[in-house]
Amino acid sequence: MCQITVEKPSAEQLAALGVKQWPTWSKEVSTFTWQYSSTEVAYILEGEVTVTPDNGGQPVSFQAGDLVTFASGLACVWEVKKPLRKHYQFE
């Protein structure tokens, strides 16, 4: 199973998910480690990021306009290349 999925959502999909009601989170250019204890779905409003799984998986890059799902249990390194702002929701 892929631990990180990236898709280009339609306006209808975003509305159905209620993304505009989700909280937002911002992060400056930086590198940090993270581990997911539950699945997160995020809609990227601004920025550019590459996330590299600790298990040797391939790095995954995403940017503004992407809908990204991070699987529960994922341990990774985030590299924020351009300041990030996202809507997010944990399942």
PDB file of N, CA and C in Angstrom:
ATOM      1  N   MET A   1       0.839  -1.197   0.000  1.00  0.00           N
ATOM      2  CA  MET A   1       0.000   0.000   0.000  1.00  0.00           C
ATOM      3  C   MET A   1       0.872   1.245   0.000  1.00  0.00           C
ATOM      4  N   CYS A   2       0.486   2.227  -0.810  1.00  0.00           N
ATOM      5  CA  CYS A   2       1.200   3.488  -0.874  1.00  0.00           C
ATOM      6  C   CYS A   2       0.897   4.295   0.395  1.00  0.00           C
ATOM      7  N   GLN A   3       1.933   4.809   1.021  1.00  0.00           N
ATOM      8  CA  GLN A   3       1.738   5.544   2.265  1.00  0.00           C
ATOM      9  C   GLN A   3       1.379   7.004   2.040  1.00  0.00           C
ATOM     10  N   ILE A   4       1.675   7.523   0.830  1.00  0.00           N
ATOM     11  CA  ILE A   4       1.356   8.910   0.495  1.00  0.00           C
ATOM     12  C   ILE A   4       0.733   8.909  -0.890  1.00  0.00           C
ATOM     13  N   THR A   5      -0.464   9.479  -1.012  1.00  0.00           N
ATOM     14  CA  THR A   5      -1.084   9.609  -2.326  1.00  0.00           C
ATOM     15  C   THR A   5      -1.353  11.082  -2.593  1.00  0.00           C
ATOM     16  N   VAL A   6      -1.165  11.477  -3.852  1.00  0.00           N
ATOM     17  CA  VAL A   6      -1.362  12.864  -4.270  1.00  0.00           C
ATOM     18  C   VAL A   6      -2.317  12.853  -5.449  1.00  0.00           C
ATOM     19  N   GLU A   7      -3.323  13.716  -5.388  1.00  0.00           N
ATOM     20  CA  GLU A   7      -4.254  13.837  -6.508  1.00  0.00           C
ATOM     21  C   GLU A   7      -4.607  15.294  -6.738  1.00  0.00           C
ATOM     22  N   LYS A   8      -5.090  15.582  -7.945  1.00  0.00           N
ATOM     23  CA  LYS A   8      -5.567  16.917  -8.305  1.00  0.00           C
ATOM     24  C   LYS A   8      -7.089  16.878  -8.211  1.00  0.00           C
ATOM     25  N   PRO A   9      -7.663  17.374  -7.113  1.00  0.00           N
ATOM     26  CA  PRO A   9      -9.105  17.259  -6.922  1.00  0.00           C
ATOM     27  C   PRO A   9      -9.892  18.274  -7.739  1.00  0.00           C
ATOM     28  N   SER A  10     -11.130  17.906  -8.043  1.00  0.00           N
ATOM     29  CA  SER A  10     -12.044  18.843  -8.696  1.00  0.00           C
ATOM     30  C   SER A  10     -12.673  19.735  -7.629  1.00  0.00           C
ATOM     31  N   ALA A  11     -13.248  20.841  -8.052  1.00  0.00           N
ATOM     32  CA  ALA A  11     -13.948  21.736  -7.123  1.00  0.00           C
ATOM     33  C   ALA A  11     -15.093  20.986  -6.446  1.00  0.00           C
ATOM     34  N   GLU A  12     -15.756  20.093  -7.190  1.00  0.00           N
ATOM     35  CA  GLU A  12     -16.857  19.317  -6.639  1.00  0.00           C
ATOM     36  C   GLU A  12     -16.370  18.371  -5.539  1.00  0.00           C
ATOM     37  N   GLN A  13     -15.219  17.741  -5.767  1.00  0.00           N
ATOM     38  CA  GLN A  13     -14.653  16.841  -4.772  1.00  0.00           C
ATOM     39  C   GLN A  13     -14.298  17.605  -3.497  1.00  0.00           C
ATOM     40  N   LEU A  14     -13.688  18.775  -3.648  1.00  0.00           N
ATOM     41  CA  LEU A  14     -13.321  19.583  -2.478  1.00  0.00           C
ATOM     42  C   LEU A  14     -14.566  20.009  -1.702  1.00  0.00           C
ATOM     43  N   ALA A  15     -15.610  20.402  -2.429  1.00  0.00           N
ATOM     44  CA  ALA A  15     -16.855  20.803  -1.769  1.00  0.00           C
ATOM     45  C   ALA A  15     -17.482  19.623  -1.038  1.00  0.00           C
ATOM     46  N   ALA A  16     -17.477  18.446  -1.654  1.00  0.00           N
ATOM     47  CA  ALA A  16     -18.062  17.255  -1.027  1.00  0.00           C
ATOM     48  C   ALA A  16     -17.314  16.875   0.248  1.00  0.00           C
ATOM     49  N   LEU A  17     -16.001  17.087   0.269  1.00  0.00           N
ATOM     50  CA  LEU A  17     -15.196  16.788   1.450  1.00  0.00           C
ATOM     51  C   LEU A  17     -15.334  17.858   2.539  1.00  0.00           C
ATOM     52  N   GLY A  18     -15.834  19.046   2.156  1.00  0.00           N
ATOM     53  CA  GLY A  18     -15.954  20.136   3.127  1.00  0.00           C
ATOM     54  C   GLY A  18     -14.614  20.752   3.487  1.00  0.00           C
ATOM     55  N   VAL A  19     -13.679  20.752   2.545  1.00  0.00           N
ATOM     56  CA  VAL A  19     -12.307  21.192   2.808  1.00  0.00           C
ATOM     57  C   VAL A  19     -12.246  22.603   3.386  1.00  0.00           C
ATOM     58  N   LYS A  20     -13.098  23.507   2.904  1.00  0.00           N
ATOM     59  CA  LYS A  20     -13.043  24.899   3.389  1.00  0.00           C
ATOM     60  C   LYS A  20     -13.355  25.009   4.881  1.00  0.00           C
ATOM     61  N   GLN A  21     -13.988  23.999   5.450  1.00  0.00           N
ATOM     62  CA  GLN A  21     -14.308  23.984   6.889  1.00  0.00           C
ATOM     63  C   GLN A  21     -13.189  23.383   7.742  1.00  0.00           C
ATOM     64  N   TRP A  22     -12.219  22.749   7.109  1.00  0.00           N
ATOM     65  CA  TRP A  22     -11.115  22.129   7.853  1.00  0.00           C
ATOM     66  C   TRP A  22     -10.209  23.204   8.423  1.00  0.00           C
ATOM     67  N   PRO A  23      -9.505  22.909   9.525  1.00  0.00           N
ATOM     68  CA  PRO A  23      -8.534  23.872  10.055  1.00  0.00           C
ATOM     69  C   PRO A  23      -7.375  24.059   9.085  1.00  0.00           C
ATOM     70  N   THR A  24      -6.607  25.123   9.278  1.00  0.00           N
ATOM     71  CA  THR A  24      -5.421  25.350   8.458  1.00  0.00           C
ATOM     72  C   THR A  24      -4.168  25.253   9.321  1.00  0.00           C
ATOM     73  N   TRP A  25      -3.065  24.968   8.668  1.00  0.00           N
ATOM     74  CA  TRP A  25      -1.761  24.860   9.320  1.00  0.00           C
ATOM     75  C   TRP A  25      -0.721  25.435   8.382  1.00  0.00           C
ATOM     76  N   SER A  26       0.241  26.158   8.934  1.00  0.00           N
ATOM     77  CA  SER A  26       1.300  26.778   8.141  1.00  0.00           C
ATOM     78  C   SER A  26       2.662  26.375   8.685  1.00  0.00           C
ATOM     79  N   LYS A  27       3.652  26.360   7.797  1.00  0.00           N
ATOM     80  CA  LYS A  27       5.019  26.021   8.204  1.00  0.00           C
ATOM     81  C   LYS A  27       5.997  26.753   7.297  1.00  0.00           C
ATOM     82  N   GLU A  28       7.020  27.327   7.917  1.00  0.00           N
ATOM     83  CA  GLU A  28       8.060  28.021   7.162  1.00  0.00           C
ATOM     84  C   GLU A  28       8.969  26.996   6.468  1.00  0.00           C
ATOM     85  N   VAL A  29       9.850  27.481   5.607  1.00  0.00           N
ATOM     86  CA  VAL A  29      10.831  26.617   4.958  1.00  0.00           C
ATOM     87  C   VAL A  29      11.642  25.930   6.053  1.00  0.00           C
ATOM     88  N   SER A  30      11.687  24.598   6.026  1.00  0.00           N
ATOM     89  CA  SER A  30      12.336  23.839   7.095  1.00  0.00           C
ATOM     90  C   SER A  30      12.375  22.361   6.723  1.00  0.00           C
ATOM     91  N   THR A  31      13.084  21.586   7.545  1.00  0.00           N
ATOM     92  CA  THR A  31      13.125  20.126   7.424  1.00  0.00           C
ATOM     93  C   THR A  31      12.871  19.552   8.812  1.00  0.00           C
ATOM     94  N   PHE A  32      11.962  18.571   8.897  1.00  0.00           N
ATOM     95  CA  PHE A  32      11.640  17.981  10.196  1.00  0.00           C
ATOM     96  C   PHE A  32      11.110  16.565  10.014  1.00  0.00           C
ATOM     97  N   THR A  33      11.193  15.772  11.079  1.00  0.00           N
ATOM     98  CA  THR A  33      10.651  14.412  11.048  1.00  0.00           C
ATOM     99  C   THR A  33       9.227  14.433  11.586  1.00  0.00           C
ATOM    100  N   TRP A  34       8.419  13.458  11.131  1.00  0.00           N
ATOM    101  CA  TRP A  34       7.027  13.369  11.565  1.00  0.00           C
ATOM    102  C   TRP A  34       6.571  11.927  11.510  1.00  0.00           C
ATOM    103  N   GLN A  35       5.657  11.559  12.416  1.00  0.00           N
ATOM    104  CA  GLN A  35       5.040  10.234  12.379  1.00  0.00           C
ATOM    105  C   GLN A  35       3.548  10.399  12.535  1.00  0.00           C
ATOM    106  N   TYR A  36       2.791   9.706  11.686  1.00  0.00           N
ATOM    107  CA  TYR A  36       1.329   9.792  11.688  1.00  0.00           C
ATOM    108  C   TYR A  36       0.729   8.692  12.536  1.00  0.00           C
ATOM    109  N   SER A  37      -0.056   9.082  13.548  1.00  0.00           N
ATOM    110  CA  SER A  37      -0.746   8.100  14.387  1.00  0.00           C
ATOM    111  C   SER A  37      -2.148   7.820  13.858  1.00  0.00           C
ATOM    112  N   SER A  38      -2.596   8.630  12.904  1.00  0.00           N
ATOM    113  CA  SER A  38      -3.854   8.385  12.196  1.00  0.00           C
ATOM    114  C   SER A  38      -3.709   8.946  10.782  1.00  0.00           C
ATOM    115  N   THR A  39      -4.618   8.573   9.903  1.00  0.00           N
ATOM    116  CA  THR A  39      -4.568   9.028   8.517  1.00  0.00           C
ATOM    117  C   THR A  39      -4.913  10.510   8.445  1.00  0.00           C
ATOM    118  N   GLU A  40      -4.121  11.266   7.670  1.00  0.00           N
ATOM    119  CA  GLU A  40      -4.390  12.687   7.448  1.00  0.00           C
ATOM    120  C   GLU A  40      -4.671  12.916   5.980  1.00  0.00           C
ATOM    121  N   VAL A  41      -5.676  13.746   5.704  1.00  0.00           N
ATOM    122  CA  VAL A  41      -5.939  14.232   4.354  1.00  0.00           C
ATOM    123  C   VAL A  41      -5.702  15.737   4.393  1.00  0.00           C
ATOM    124  N   ALA A  42      -4.914  16.247   3.442  1.00  0.00           N
ATOM    125  CA  ALA A  42      -4.566  17.666   3.423  1.00  0.00           C
ATOM    126  C   ALA A  42      -4.767  18.232   2.026  1.00  0.00           C
ATOM    127  N   TYR A  43      -5.293  19.460   1.980  1.00  0.00           N
ATOM    128  CA  TYR A  43      -5.400  20.185   0.718  1.00  0.00           C
ATOM    129  C   TYR A  43      -4.404  21.334   0.783  1.00  0.00           C
ATOM    130  N   ILE A  44      -3.466  21.354  -0.147  1.00  0.00           N
ATOM    131  CA  ILE A  44      -2.373  22.325  -0.119  1.00  0.00           C
ATOM    132  C   ILE A  44      -2.835  23.640  -0.749  1.00  0.00           C
ATOM    133  N   LEU A  45      -2.804  24.706   0.054  1.00  0.00           N
ATOM    134  CA  LEU A  45      -3.199  26.031  -0.398  1.00  0.00           C
ATOM    135  C   LEU A  45      -2.017  26.801  -0.976  1.00  0.00           C
ATOM    136  N   GLU A  46      -0.862  26.667  -0.340  1.00  0.00           N
ATOM    137  CA  GLU A  46       0.354  27.355  -0.776  1.00  0.00           C
ATOM    138  C   GLU A  46       1.545  26.476  -0.442  1.00  0.00           C
ATOM    139  N   GLY A  47       2.621  26.648  -1.211  1.00  0.00           N
ATOM    140  CA  GLY A  47       3.871  26.014  -0.863  1.00  0.00           C
ATOM    141  C   GLY A  47       4.275  24.862  -1.754  1.00  0.00           C
ATOM    142  N   GLU A  48       5.427  24.315  -1.400  1.00  0.00           N
ATOM    143  CA  GLU A  48       5.989  23.166  -2.109  1.00  0.00           C
ATOM    144  C   GLU A  48       6.747  22.324  -1.089  1.00  0.00           C
ATOM    145  N   VAL A  49       6.476  21.011  -1.082  1.00  0.00           N
ATOM    146  CA  VAL A  49       7.009  20.108  -0.070  1.00  0.00           C
ATOM    147  C   VAL A  49       7.436  18.794  -0.715  1.00  0.00           C
ATOM    148  N   THR A  50       8.497  18.192  -0.168  1.00  0.00           N
ATOM    149  CA  THR A  50       8.859  16.813  -0.495  1.00  0.00           C
ATOM    150  C   THR A  50       8.883  16.029   0.812  1.00  0.00           C
ATOM    151  N   VAL A  51       8.176  14.895   0.840  1.00  0.00           N
ATOM    152  CA  VAL A  51       8.133  14.029   2.018  1.00  0.00           C
ATOM    153  C   VAL A  51       8.791  12.707   1.645  1.00  0.00           C
ATOM    154  N   THR A  52       9.736  12.273   2.484  1.00  0.00           N
ATOM    155  CA  THR A  52      10.457  11.024   2.246  1.00  0.00           C
ATOM    156  C   THR A  52      10.140  10.038   3.363  1.00  0.00           C
ATOM    157  N   PRO A  53       9.506   8.903   3.030  1.00  0.00           N
ATOM    158  CA  PRO A  53       9.223   7.883   4.044  1.00  0.00           C
ATOM    159  C   PRO A  53      10.515   7.319   4.637  1.00  0.00           C
ATOM    160  N   ASP A  54      10.495   7.025   5.938  1.00  0.00           N
ATOM    161  CA  ASP A  54      11.659   6.447   6.615  1.00  0.00           C
ATOM    162  C   ASP A  54      11.916   4.999   6.202  1.00  0.00           C
ATOM    163  N   ASN A  55      10.926   4.331   5.614  1.00  0.00           N
ATOM    164  CA  ASN A  55      11.068   2.911   5.282  1.00  0.00           C
ATOM    165  C   ASN A  55      11.796   2.676   3.962  1.00  0.00           C
ATOM    166  N   GLY A  56      12.429   3.720   3.428  1.00  0.00           N
ATOM    167  CA  GLY A  56      13.155   3.573   2.166  1.00  0.00           C
ATOM    168  C   GLY A  56      12.296   3.826   0.949  1.00  0.00           C
ATOM    169  N   GLY A  57      11.045   4.244   1.155  1.00  0.00           N
ATOM    170  CA  GLY A  57      10.159   4.548   0.034  1.00  0.00           C
ATOM    171  C   GLY A  57      10.631   5.769  -0.741  1.00  0.00           C
ATOM    172  N   GLN A  58      10.095   5.923  -1.926  1.00  0.00           N
ATOM    173  CA  GLN A  58      10.461   7.043  -2.787  1.00  0.00           C
ATOM    174  C   GLN A  58       9.923   8.360  -2.226  1.00  0.00           C
ATOM    175  N   PRO A  59      10.705   9.451  -2.343  1.00  0.00           N
ATOM    176  CA  PRO A  59      10.208  10.767  -1.944  1.00  0.00           C
ATOM    177  C   PRO A  59       8.986  11.151  -2.776  1.00  0.00           C
ATOM    178  N   VAL A  60       8.052  11.854  -2.153  1.00  0.00           N
ATOM    179  CA  VAL A  60       6.840  12.302  -2.819  1.00  0.00           C
ATOM    180  C   VAL A  60       6.773  13.822  -2.693  1.00  0.00           C
ATOM    181  N   SER A  61       6.611  14.505  -3.831  1.00  0.00           N
ATOM    182  CA  SER A  61       6.513  15.967  -3.828  1.00  0.00           C
ATOM    183  C   SER A  61       5.093  16.394  -4.127  1.00  0.00           C
ATOM    184  N   PHE A  62       4.692  17.519  -3.523  1.00  0.00           N
ATOM    185  CA  PHE A  62       3.367  18.081  -3.783  1.00  0.00           C
ATOM    186  C   PHE A  62       3.427  19.583  -3.592  1.00  0.00           C
ATOM    187  N   GLN A  63       2.361  20.256  -4.084  1.00  0.00           N
ATOM    188  CA  GLN A  63       2.335  21.717  -4.085  1.00  0.00           C
ATOM    189  C   GLN A  63       0.904  22.217  -4.054  1.00  0.00           C
ATOM    190  N   ALA A  64       0.755  23.532  -4.135  1.00  0.00           N
ATOM    191  CA  ALA A  64      -0.569  24.150  -4.099  1.00  0.00           C
ATOM    192  C   ALA A  64      -1.499  23.489  -5.112  1.00  0.00           C
ATOM    193  N   GLY A  65      -2.715  23.196  -4.663  1.00  0.00           N
ATOM    194  CA  GLY A  65      -3.720  22.572  -5.516  1.00  0.00           C
ATOM    195  C   GLY A  65      -3.799  21.061  -5.382  1.00  0.00           C
ATOM    196  N   ASP A  66      -2.881  20.461  -4.634  1.00  0.00           N
ATOM    197  CA  ASP A  66      -2.862  19.010  -4.470  1.00  0.00           C
ATOM    198  C   ASP A  66      -3.641  18.582  -3.226  1.00  0.00           C
ATOM    199  N   LEU A  67      -4.305  17.443  -3.324  1.00  0.00           N
ATOM    200  CA  LEU A  67      -4.962  16.791  -2.191  1.00  0.00           C
ATOM    201  C   LEU A  67      -4.089  15.586  -1.849  1.00  0.00           C
ATOM    202  N   VAL A  68      -3.566  15.572  -0.628  1.00  0.00           N
ATOM    203  CA  VAL A  68      -2.568  14.581  -0.237  1.00  0.00           C
ATOM    204  C   VAL A  68      -3.105  13.762   0.938  1.00  0.00           C
ATOM    205  N   THR A  69      -2.955  12.438   0.866  1.00  0.00           N
ATOM    206  CA  THR A  69      -3.346  11.548   1.960  1.00  0.00           C
ATOM    207  C   THR A  69      -2.103  10.871   2.504  1.00  0.00           C
ATOM    208  N   PHE A  70      -1.924  10.969   3.836  1.00  0.00           N
ATOM    209  CA  PHE A  70      -0.808  10.346   4.540  1.00  0.00           C
ATOM    210  C   PHE A  70      -1.370   9.201   5.373  1.00  0.00           C
ATOM    211  N   ALA A  71      -0.870   7.994   5.178  1.00  0.00           N
ATOM    212  CA  ALA A  71      -1.385   6.810   5.862  1.00  0.00           C
ATOM    213  C   ALA A  71      -0.987   6.792   7.333  1.00  0.00           C
ATOM    214  N   SER A  72      -1.878   6.270   8.151  1.00  0.00           N
ATOM    215  CA  SER A  72      -1.576   6.060   9.567  1.00  0.00           C
ATOM    216  C   SER A  72      -0.350   5.159   9.689  1.00  0.00           C
ATOM    217  N   GLY A  73       0.557   5.511  10.596  1.00  0.00           N
ATOM    218  CA  GLY A  73       1.765   4.731  10.801  1.00  0.00           C
ATOM    219  C   GLY A  73       2.965   5.209  10.004  1.00  0.00           C
ATOM    220  N   LEU A  74       2.749   6.134   9.066  1.00  0.00           N
ATOM    221  CA  LEU A  74       3.845   6.657   8.250  1.00  0.00           C
ATOM    222  C   LEU A  74       4.825   7.436   9.120  1.00  0.00           C
ATOM    223  N   ALA A  75       6.088   7.087   9.035  1.00  0.00           N
ATOM    224  CA  ALA A  75       7.176   7.866   9.637  1.00  0.00           C
ATOM    225  C   ALA A  75       7.961   8.451   8.465  1.00  0.00           C
ATOM    226  N   CYS A  76       8.275   9.753   8.529  1.00  0.00           N
ATOM    227  CA  CYS A  76       8.840  10.410   7.359  1.00  0.00           C
ATOM    228  C   CYS A  76       9.625  11.660   7.733  1.00  0.00           C
ATOM    229  N   VAL A  77      10.282  12.207   6.718  1.00  0.00           N
ATOM    230  CA  VAL A  77      10.965  13.488   6.839  1.00  0.00           C
ATOM    231  C   VAL A  77      10.296  14.455   5.870  1.00  0.00           C
ATOM    232  N   TRP A  78       9.868  15.594   6.399  1.00  0.00           N
ATOM    233  CA  TRP A  78       9.278  16.662   5.599  1.00  0.00           C
ATOM    234  C   TRP A  78      10.367  17.654   5.233  1.00  0.00           C
ATOM    235  N   GLU A  79      10.421  18.034   3.957  1.00  0.00           N
ATOM    236  CA  GLU A  79      11.278  19.132   3.508  1.00  0.00           C
ATOM    237  C   GLU A  79      10.365  20.181   2.885  1.00  0.00           C
ATOM    238  N   VAL A  80      10.124  21.252   3.634  1.00  0.00           N
ATOM    239  CA  VAL A  80       9.278  22.353   3.156  1.00  0.00           C
ATOM    240  C   VAL A  80      10.181  23.276   2.341  1.00  0.00           C
ATOM    241  N   LYS A  81       9.976  23.289   1.019  1.00  0.00           N
ATOM    242  CA  LYS A  81      10.842  24.046   0.109  1.00  0.00           C
ATOM    243  C   LYS A  81      10.351  25.466  -0.115  1.00  0.00           C
ATOM    244  N   LYS A  82       9.028  25.660  -0.069  1.00  0.00           N
ATOM    245  CA  LYS A  82       8.405  26.979  -0.140  1.00  0.00           C
ATOM    246  C   LYS A  82       7.377  27.023   0.978  1.00  0.00           C
ATOM    247  N   PRO A  83       7.221  28.151   1.674  1.00  0.00           N
ATOM    248  CA  PRO A  83       6.320  28.217   2.832  1.00  0.00           C
ATOM    249  C   PRO A  83       4.963  27.556   2.545  1.00  0.00           C
ATOM    250  N   LEU A  84       4.545  26.733   3.505  1.00  0.00           N
ATOM    251  CA  LEU A  84       3.370  25.874   3.350  1.00  0.00           C
ATOM    252  C   LEU A  84       2.170  26.426   4.111  1.00  0.00           C
ATOM    253  N   ARG A  85       1.006  26.327   3.465  1.00  0.00           N
ATOM    254  CA  ARG A  85      -0.275  26.556   4.145  1.00  0.00           C
ATOM    255  C   ARG A  85      -1.230  25.511   3.607  1.00  0.00           C
ATOM    256  N   LYS A  86      -1.903  24.791   4.513  1.00  0.00           N
ATOM    257  CA  LYS A  86      -2.779  23.707   4.081  1.00  0.00           C
ATOM    258  C   LYS A  86      -4.021  23.635   4.969  1.00  0.00           C
ATOM    259  N   HIS A  87      -5.098  23.101   4.382  1.00  0.00           N
ATOM    260  CA  HIS A  87      -6.250  22.622   5.151  1.00  0.00           C
ATOM    261  C   HIS A  87      -5.954  21.172   5.466  1.00  0.00           C
ATOM    262  N   TYR A  88      -6.378  20.688   6.628  1.00  0.00           N
ATOM    263  CA  TYR A  88      -6.101  19.297   6.968  1.00  0.00           C
ATOM    264  C   TYR A  88      -7.228  18.714   7.810  1.00  0.00           C
ATOM    265  N   GLN A  89      -7.309  17.382   7.764  1.00  0.00           N
ATOM    266  CA  GLN A  89      -8.285  16.648   8.580  1.00  0.00           C
ATOM    267  C   GLN A  89      -7.718  15.270   8.880  1.00  0.00           C
ATOM    268  N   PHE A  90      -7.836  14.849  10.135  1.00  0.00           N
ATOM    269  CA  PHE A  90      -7.419  13.503  10.525  1.00  0.00           C
ATOM    270  C   PHE A  90      -8.635  12.596  10.554  1.00  0.00           C
ATOM    271  N   GLU A  91      -8.468  11.373  10.033  1.00  0.00           N
ATOM    272  CA  GLU A  91      -9.584  10.416  10.000  1.00  0.00           C
ATOM    273  C   GLU A  91      -9.551   9.523  11.220  1.00  0.00           C
TER     274      GLU A  91
END
